[in-house]
Amino acid sequence: MQLKYTKSNLDKLELLFKELEYTIRYEKGTFNSGYCLVEDKKIIIINKFFDTEGRINVLLDILSTVMVMEERLSKTGLQFFKNILKSQETEIN
């Protein structure tokens, strides 16, 4: 299952990060990777000119680098997170 680049999935990803106590801000700036992650404050700053696909790709990239404490996630958030993990495993194989 490939994660589709829809506004709905972007909203779900943003909610997932909110449950993990991260703040996402969309701002303009010169980010080499298109985003900036402030670890100590759990702030994610993403280039505001990215389209939905770019924003989803950035959030997925960040999600693979942060520690996800599954007990903090709601039932819906946990299910969405597991679906993301499945889709990433499928892409690798």
Protein backbone atom coordinates (compact mmCIF):
# COMPACT_ATOMS: atom_id res chain seq x y z
CA MET A 1 0.00 0.00 0.00
CA GLN A 2 1.44 3.31 -1.10
CA LEU A 3 0.56 6.37 0.97
CA LYS A 4 -1.36 8.70 -1.32
CA TYR A 5 -0.46 12.37 -1.50
CA THR A 6 -3.79 13.82 -0.40
CA LYS A 7 -4.72 16.68 1.91
CA SER A 8 -6.45 14.14 4.14
CA ASN A 9 -3.24 12.14 4.62
CA LEU A 10 -1.31 15.35 5.23
CA ASP A 11 -3.82 16.25 7.95
CA LYS A 12 -3.41 12.79 9.50
CA LEU A 13 0.38 13.15 9.51
CA GLU A 14 0.13 16.57 11.11
CA LEU A 15 -2.19 15.13 13.78
CA LEU A 16 0.24 12.26 14.36
CA PHE A 17 3.05 14.75 15.05
CA LYS A 18 0.74 16.76 17.30
CA GLU A 19 0.06 13.64 19.34
CA LEU A 20 3.86 13.20 19.60
CA GLU A 21 3.95 16.79 20.95
CA TYR A 22 5.65 18.31 17.89
CA THR A 23 4.69 21.71 16.52
CA ILE A 24 4.65 22.06 12.74
CA ARG A 25 5.10 25.47 11.17
CA TYR A 26 5.10 26.33 7.47
CA GLU A 27 7.39 29.26 6.80
CA LYS A 28 9.64 30.54 4.07
CA GLY A 29 13.35 30.19 4.43
CA THR A 30 16.41 28.67 2.87
CA PHE A 31 16.40 25.12 4.14
CA ASN A 32 18.80 22.82 2.29
CA SER A 33 16.51 19.85 2.82
CA GLY A 34 13.25 21.80 2.71
CA TYR A 35 12.78 21.64 6.45
CA CYS A 36 14.37 22.38 9.79
CA LEU A 37 13.92 20.22 12.87
CA VAL A 38 14.54 21.82 16.25
CA GLU A 39 14.97 18.69 18.41
CA ASP A 40 15.05 20.27 21.87
CA LYS A 41 11.79 22.16 21.36
CA LYS A 42 10.04 19.60 19.14
CA ILE A 43 9.44 22.15 16.41
CA ILE A 44 9.34 21.28 12.72
CA ILE A 45 9.63 24.13 10.22
CA ILE A 46 8.77 23.24 6.64
CA ASN A 47 9.18 25.37 3.53
CA LYS A 48 5.74 26.92 3.04
CA PHE A 49 6.06 26.79 -0.74
CA PHE A 50 6.01 22.96 -0.77
CA ASP A 51 2.92 21.39 -2.26
CA THR A 52 1.00 18.58 -0.52
CA GLU A 53 3.31 15.89 -1.91
CA GLY A 54 6.42 17.74 -0.76
CA ARG A 55 4.99 18.30 2.71
CA ILE A 56 4.04 14.64 3.09
CA ASN A 57 7.47 13.48 1.92
CA VAL A 58 9.19 15.81 4.40
CA LEU A 59 6.99 14.66 7.29
CA LEU A 60 7.61 11.00 6.40
CA ASP A 61 11.33 11.67 6.27
CA ILE A 62 11.23 13.31 9.70
CA LEU A 63 9.00 10.55 11.09
CA SER A 64 11.69 7.99 10.20
CA THR A 65 14.22 9.92 12.32
CA VAL A 66 12.22 10.64 15.47
CA MET A 67 11.45 8.23 18.27
CA VAL A 68 7.75 7.38 18.20
CA MET A 69 6.29 6.51 21.56
CA GLU A 70 3.26 4.50 20.50
CA GLU A 71 1.56 4.82 23.89
CA ARG A 72 1.13 8.56 23.23
CA LEU A 73 -0.84 7.93 20.06
CA SER A 74 -4.60 7.69 19.87
CA LYS A 75 -6.10 4.52 18.46
CA THR A 76 -6.57 6.22 15.09
CA GLY A 77 -3.07 7.69 15.16
CA LEU A 78 -1.52 4.32 16.01
CA GLN A 79 -3.37 2.62 13.17
CA PHE A 80 -2.24 5.31 10.71
CA PHE A 81 1.36 5.00 11.97
CA LYS A 82 1.27 1.21 11.47
CA ASN A 83 -0.07 1.72 7.94
CA ILE A 84 2.84 4.06 7.21
CA LEU A 85 5.31 1.46 8.50
CA LYS A 86 3.69 -1.22 6.30
CA SER A 87 3.86 0.98 3.22
CA GLN A 88 7.53 1.76 3.87
CA GLU A 89 8.32 -1.96 4.29
CA THR A 90 6.56 -2.70 1.01
CA GLU A 91 8.63 -0.07 -0.80
CA ILE A 92 11.88 -1.56 0.54
CA ASN A 93 10.98 -5.10 -0.56
